[in-house]
N, C-alpha and C. Protein backbone atom coordinates (compact mmCIF):
# COMPACT_ATOMS: atom_id res chain seq x y z
N MET A 1 0.64 -0.79 0.09
CA MET A 1 0.25 0.00 0.29
C MET A 1 0.87 1.36 -0.15
N LYS A 2 0.22 2.69 -0.59
CA LYS A 2 1.03 3.57 -0.63
C LYS A 2 0.57 4.31 -0.01
N ASN A 3 2.29 5.16 0.40
CA ASN A 3 1.53 6.49 1.23
C ASN A 3 0.49 7.08 1.07
N LYS A 4 -0.67 7.90 1.41
CA LYS A 4 -1.70 8.25 1.13
C LYS A 4 -1.30 9.97 1.57
N THR A 5 -1.24 11.00 1.20
CA THR A 5 -0.10 12.62 0.96
C THR A 5 -1.36 13.76 0.59
N LYS A 6 -2.53 13.01 -0.25
CA LYS A 6 -3.23 14.14 -1.10
C LYS A 6 -4.17 14.86 -0.32
N LYS A 7 -4.10 16.02 -0.55
CA LYS A 7 -4.95 16.91 -0.01
C LYS A 7 -6.29 17.42 -1.18
N PHE A 8 -7.24 17.42 -0.64
CA PHE A 8 -8.01 17.95 -1.73
C PHE A 8 -8.75 19.53 -1.45
N LYS A 9 -8.12 20.27 -0.06
CA LYS A 9 -8.20 21.81 0.09
C LYS A 9 -7.10 21.94 1.03
N SER A 10 -6.59 23.21 0.82
CA SER A 10 -5.75 23.55 2.01
C SER A 10 -5.97 23.76 2.83
N ASP A 11 -6.84 23.74 3.37
CA ASP A 11 -7.07 23.44 5.02
C ASP A 11 -7.23 21.69 4.97
N GLU A 12 -7.83 21.20 4.54
CA GLU A 12 -8.33 19.51 4.71
C GLU A 12 -7.22 18.70 5.04
N PRO A 13 -7.21 17.98 6.38
CA PRO A 13 -5.68 17.34 6.41
C PRO A 13 -5.91 16.34 5.62
N THR A 14 -4.86 15.77 5.32
CA THR A 14 -4.15 14.16 4.58
C THR A 14 -5.47 13.10 5.09
N ILE A 15 -4.82 12.29 4.34
CA ILE A 15 -5.77 11.08 4.40
C ILE A 15 -4.81 10.35 5.41
N PRO A 16 -5.49 9.92 6.81
CA PRO A 16 -4.19 9.36 8.16
C PRO A 16 -3.92 7.99 8.00
N PHE A 17 -4.61 7.02 6.70
CA PHE A 17 -3.68 6.01 6.94
C PHE A 17 -3.18 5.88 5.21
N THR A 18 -3.30 4.62 5.14
CA THR A 18 -3.08 3.32 3.62
C THR A 18 -4.32 2.54 3.18
N PHE A 19 -4.86 2.24 3.75
CA PHE A 19 -5.78 2.07 3.47
C PHE A 19 -6.57 2.03 2.01
N ASP A 20 -6.97 0.88 1.16
CA ASP A 20 -7.72 1.18 -0.20
C ASP A 20 -9.06 1.48 0.22
N PHE A 21 -9.61 2.64 -0.90
CA PHE A 21 -10.84 2.78 -0.91
C PHE A 21 -12.21 1.80 -2.01
N TYR A 22 -12.99 1.10 -1.71
CA TYR A 22 -13.39 -0.14 -2.41
C TYR A 22 -15.03 0.23 -2.45
N LEU A 23 -15.64 -0.05 -3.56
CA LEU A 23 -16.53 -0.45 -3.79
C LEU A 23 -16.97 -2.11 -4.07
N ILE A 24 -18.04 -2.86 -3.26
CA ILE A 24 -17.76 -4.08 -3.16
C ILE A 24 -19.71 -4.42 -2.99
N TYR A 25 -19.99 -5.57 -4.01
CA TYR A 25 -20.95 -5.99 -4.66
C TYR A 25 -20.84 -7.64 -3.26
N TRP A 26 -21.94 -7.55 -2.60
CA TRP A 26 -22.11 -9.07 -1.72
C TRP A 26 -23.42 -9.26 -2.29
N GLU A 27 -23.61 -10.61 -1.66
CA GLU A 27 -24.85 -11.23 -1.47
C GLU A 27 -24.96 -11.35 -0.04
N ASP A 28 -26.09 -11.14 0.10
CA ASP A 28 -26.96 -10.89 1.48
C ASP A 28 -27.93 -11.82 1.55
N ILE A 29 -28.15 -12.19 2.63
CA ILE A 29 -29.84 -13.07 3.37
C ILE A 29 -31.08 -11.99 2.95
N GLN A 30 -32.43 -12.14 2.29
CA GLN A 30 -33.30 -12.07 1.76
C GLN A 30 -34.23 -13.04 2.81
N SER A 31 -35.20 -12.04 3.88
CA SER A 31 -36.67 -12.81 4.13
C SER A 31 -37.83 -11.77 3.91
N ASP A 32 -39.24 -12.43 4.26
CA ASP A 32 -40.46 -12.06 4.28
C ASP A 32 -41.00 -12.96 4.92
N SER A 33 -42.13 -11.94 6.11
CA SER A 33 -42.57 -12.23 6.86
C SER A 33 -43.89 -12.52 6.74
N GLY A 34 -44.37 -11.44 4.96
CA GLY A 34 -45.75 -11.70 4.64
C GLY A 34 -46.65 -13.03 3.88
N TRP A 35 -47.72 -12.64 3.50
CA TRP A 35 -48.00 -13.61 2.80
C TRP A 35 -47.56 -13.75 1.45
N ARG A 36 -47.15 -14.96 1.17
CA ARG A 36 -47.11 -15.30 -0.60
C ARG A 36 -47.45 -16.30 -0.95
N THR A 37 -47.53 -16.56 -2.36
CA THR A 37 -47.94 -17.85 -2.92
C THR A 37 -46.30 -18.44 -3.07
N LEU A 38 -46.64 -19.63 -2.74
CA LEU A 38 -45.44 -21.06 -3.29
C LEU A 38 -44.41 -20.55 -4.10
N LYS A 39 -45.01 -20.16 -5.10
CA LYS A 39 -44.30 -19.68 -6.38
C LYS A 39 -43.00 -18.40 -6.36
N ASP A 40 -44.08 -17.55 -5.89
CA ASP A 40 -42.86 -16.45 -5.97
C ASP A 40 -42.35 -16.44 -4.35
N ILE A 41 -42.43 -17.95 -3.71
CA ILE A 41 -41.43 -17.90 -2.44
C ILE A 41 -40.34 -18.72 -2.83
N GLN A 42 -40.67 -19.69 -4.16
CA GLN A 42 -39.04 -20.25 -4.68
C GLN A 42 -38.82 -19.26 -5.89
N ASP A 43 -38.88 -18.91 -6.12
CA ASP A 43 -38.51 -18.00 -6.68
C ASP A 43 -37.97 -16.89 -6.43
N SER A 44 -37.68 -16.89 -5.03
CA SER A 44 -36.88 -15.66 -4.43
C SER A 44 -35.51 -16.05 -4.51
N LYS A 45 -34.66 -14.46 -4.37
CA LYS A 45 -33.16 -15.38 -4.28
C LYS A 45 -32.56 -13.99 -3.29
N PRO A 46 -31.44 -14.32 -3.25
CA PRO A 46 -30.73 -13.07 -2.21
C PRO A 46 -30.37 -11.51 -2.81
N ALA A 47 -30.16 -10.98 -1.31
CA ALA A 47 -30.57 -9.92 -2.02
C ALA A 47 -28.87 -9.47 -2.59
N ILE A 48 -28.35 -8.72 -3.30
CA ILE A 48 -27.10 -8.20 -3.98
C ILE A 48 -27.64 -6.99 -3.51
N CYS A 49 -25.91 -6.56 -2.40
CA CYS A 49 -25.70 -5.05 -1.75
C CYS A 49 -24.15 -4.69 -2.38
N VAL A 50 -24.32 -3.42 -1.85
CA VAL A 50 -23.02 -2.54 -2.50
C VAL A 50 -23.03 -1.65 -1.02
N SER A 51 -21.45 -1.84 -1.31
CA SER A 51 -20.72 -1.39 -0.12
C SER A 51 -19.44 -0.31 -0.52
N THR A 52 -19.21 0.48 -0.21
CA THR A 52 -18.28 1.19 0.20
C THR A 52 -17.55 1.72 1.36
N GLY A 53 -16.21 1.92 1.13
CA GLY A 53 -15.02 2.13 2.31
C GLY A 53 -14.03 2.07 1.75
N TRP A 54 -13.23 2.39 3.06
CA TRP A 54 -12.12 1.68 3.11
C TRP A 54 -11.92 0.39 4.15
N LEU A 55 -10.94 -0.57 2.68
CA LEU A 55 -10.59 -2.05 3.01
C LEU A 55 -9.49 -2.01 4.78
N VAL A 56 -9.94 -2.27 5.74
CA VAL A 56 -9.82 -1.97 6.75
C VAL A 56 -9.35 -3.06 7.42
N LYS A 57 -9.70 -4.51 6.33
CA LYS A 57 -9.62 -5.92 6.84
C LYS A 57 -9.95 -6.67 5.89
N SER A 58 -9.07 -7.71 5.77
CA SER A 58 -9.95 -8.80 4.72
C SER A 58 -8.79 -9.97 4.55
N ASP A 59 -9.81 -10.90 5.09
CA ASP A 59 -8.81 -11.96 4.80
C ASP A 59 -9.78 -13.61 4.44
N LYS A 60 -9.31 -14.79 4.76
CA LYS A 60 -10.43 -15.89 4.05
C LYS A 60 -11.84 -15.92 5.10
N LYS A 61 -12.03 -14.94 6.26
CA LYS A 61 -13.31 -15.16 6.64
C LYS A 61 -14.06 -13.81 6.33
N VAL A 62 -13.33 -12.86 6.17
CA VAL A 62 -14.23 -11.43 6.69
C VAL A 62 -13.39 -9.75 5.44
N HIS A 63 -14.20 -9.03 5.39
CA HIS A 63 -14.13 -8.04 4.22
C HIS A 63 -14.76 -7.35 5.40
N ILE A 64 -13.84 -5.91 5.77
CA ILE A 64 -14.38 -5.04 6.68
C ILE A 64 -14.00 -3.78 6.07
N LEU A 65 -15.44 -3.08 6.19
CA LEU A 65 -14.86 -1.61 5.65
C LEU A 65 -15.09 -0.83 6.40
N MET A 66 -14.43 0.22 6.35
CA MET A 66 -14.73 1.61 7.27
C MET A 66 -15.48 2.87 6.18
N SER A 67 -16.63 3.55 6.65
CA SER A 67 -16.71 4.73 5.44
C SER A 67 -16.07 5.81 6.07
N ASP A 68 -16.65 6.05 7.32
CA ASP A 68 -15.78 7.46 8.20
C ASP A 68 -14.99 7.18 9.20
N TYR A 69 -14.19 8.31 9.50
CA TYR A 69 -13.28 8.53 10.55
C TYR A 69 -13.20 10.12 10.44
N ASN A 70 -12.86 10.36 11.92
CA ASN A 70 -12.70 11.34 12.66
C ASN A 70 -11.18 11.85 13.26
N TYR A 71 -10.98 13.13 13.45
CA TYR A 71 -9.65 13.53 13.59
C TYR A 71 -9.89 13.61 15.23
N ASP A 72 -8.62 13.55 16.26
CA ASP A 72 -9.08 14.06 17.56
C ASP A 72 -8.01 15.34 17.44
N ASP A 73 -7.94 16.16 18.79
CA ASP A 73 -7.46 17.67 19.15
C ASP A 73 -6.42 17.98 18.57
N LYS A 74 -5.60 16.76 18.32
CA LYS A 74 -3.93 17.26 17.20
C LYS A 74 -3.97 16.84 15.57
N GLY A 75 -5.12 16.85 15.53
CA GLY A 75 -4.97 16.51 13.90
C GLY A 75 -5.05 15.07 13.56
N ASP A 76 -4.56 13.95 14.68
CA ASP A 76 -4.34 12.61 14.41
C ASP A 76 -5.63 11.86 14.37
N LEU A 77 -5.73 10.64 12.92
CA LEU A 77 -6.37 9.79 13.42
C LEU A 77 -7.07 9.38 14.37
N ALA A 78 -8.44 9.57 15.06
CA ALA A 78 -9.14 9.10 16.52
C ALA A 78 -10.27 7.87 16.50
N ASP A 79 -11.04 8.43 15.49
CA ASP A 79 -11.80 6.88 15.65
C ASP A 79 -12.88 6.58 14.41
N GLY A 80 -12.86 5.64 14.09
CA GLY A 80 -13.55 4.70 12.78
C GLY A 80 -15.18 4.49 13.00
N GLY A 81 -15.93 4.68 11.74
CA GLY A 81 -17.58 4.21 11.84
C GLY A 81 -17.85 4.06 10.98
N ASN A 82 -19.27 3.51 10.71
CA ASN A 82 -19.72 3.64 10.15
C ASN A 82 -19.24 1.94 8.90
N THR A 83 -19.38 0.82 9.86
CA THR A 83 -18.41 0.07 9.30
C THR A 83 -19.22 -1.12 9.14
N THR A 84 -18.79 -2.13 8.01
CA THR A 84 -19.43 -3.54 7.62
C THR A 84 -18.69 -4.19 7.14
N VAL A 85 -19.10 -5.34 8.26
CA VAL A 85 -18.24 -7.21 7.92
C VAL A 85 -18.71 -7.64 7.43
N ILE A 86 -18.28 -8.03 6.24
CA ILE A 86 -18.99 -9.37 5.05
C ILE A 86 -18.34 -10.15 5.16
N PRO A 87 -18.96 -11.31 5.09
CA PRO A 87 -18.01 -12.78 5.12
C PRO A 87 -17.27 -12.87 3.44
N THR A 88 -16.48 -12.93 3.94
CA THR A 88 -15.44 -12.87 2.56
C THR A 88 -16.41 -14.24 1.18
N LYS A 89 -17.13 -15.43 2.15
CA LYS A 89 -17.79 -15.94 1.45
C LYS A 89 -18.88 -15.44 0.29
N ASN A 90 -19.20 -14.43 1.00
CA ASN A 90 -20.83 -13.76 0.36
C ASN A 90 -19.86 -12.25 -0.31
N VAL A 91 -19.16 -11.79 -0.77
CA VAL A 91 -18.36 -11.04 -1.89
C VAL A 91 -18.90 -11.69 -3.20
N ILE A 92 -19.27 -10.56 -4.11
CA ILE A 92 -18.80 -11.00 -5.14
C ILE A 92 -18.01 -10.54 -6.28
N THR A 93 -17.85 -9.37 -6.49
CA THR A 93 -16.79 -8.06 -6.63
C THR A 93 -16.56 -7.66 -5.68
N LYS A 94 -15.88 -6.63 -6.14
CA LYS A 94 -14.65 -5.94 -5.31
C LYS A 94 -13.94 -4.64 -6.33
N TYR A 95 -14.25 -3.57 -6.14
CA TYR A 95 -13.37 -3.01 -7.14
C TYR A 95 -12.54 -1.05 -6.79
N LYS A 96 -11.68 -1.65 -6.94
CA LYS A 96 -10.68 -0.52 -6.26
C LYS A 96 -10.86 1.28 -7.06
N ILE A 97 -11.02 1.82 -5.45
CA ILE A 97 -11.38 3.36 -6.19
C ILE A 97 -9.80 3.50 -5.95
N ALA A 98 -9.33 4.24 -7.43
CA ALA A 98 -8.31 5.04 -7.34
C ALA A 98 -8.83 6.58 -6.90
N ASP A 99 -7.06 7.03 -6.65
CA ASP A 99 -7.09 8.47 -6.68
C ASP A 99 -7.84 8.97 -4.88
N LEU A 100 -7.46 8.56 -4.72
CA LEU A 100 -8.11 8.19 -3.07
C LEU A 100 -7.19 8.43 -1.40
């Protein structure tokens, strides 16, 4: 991973870490508690989801995205937020977003 030093405006701090930004398509469970015909139930498919964020962990079990972060009073990375944990087996495809 390369060092992130890009600034967007002169008063905005640099991106404080070296994780890459991704758009990930993944498959999730779909359920319905309503009444439906048996044919409609049999035609059901898993939900296709799309999530974006910095890929902070990726291994055989999970892909973890973090979409938000903040700075402390010293201008250093403080906290991450809006996280999504996707089982790796559910990932359909992922696209690295360049220049972030």
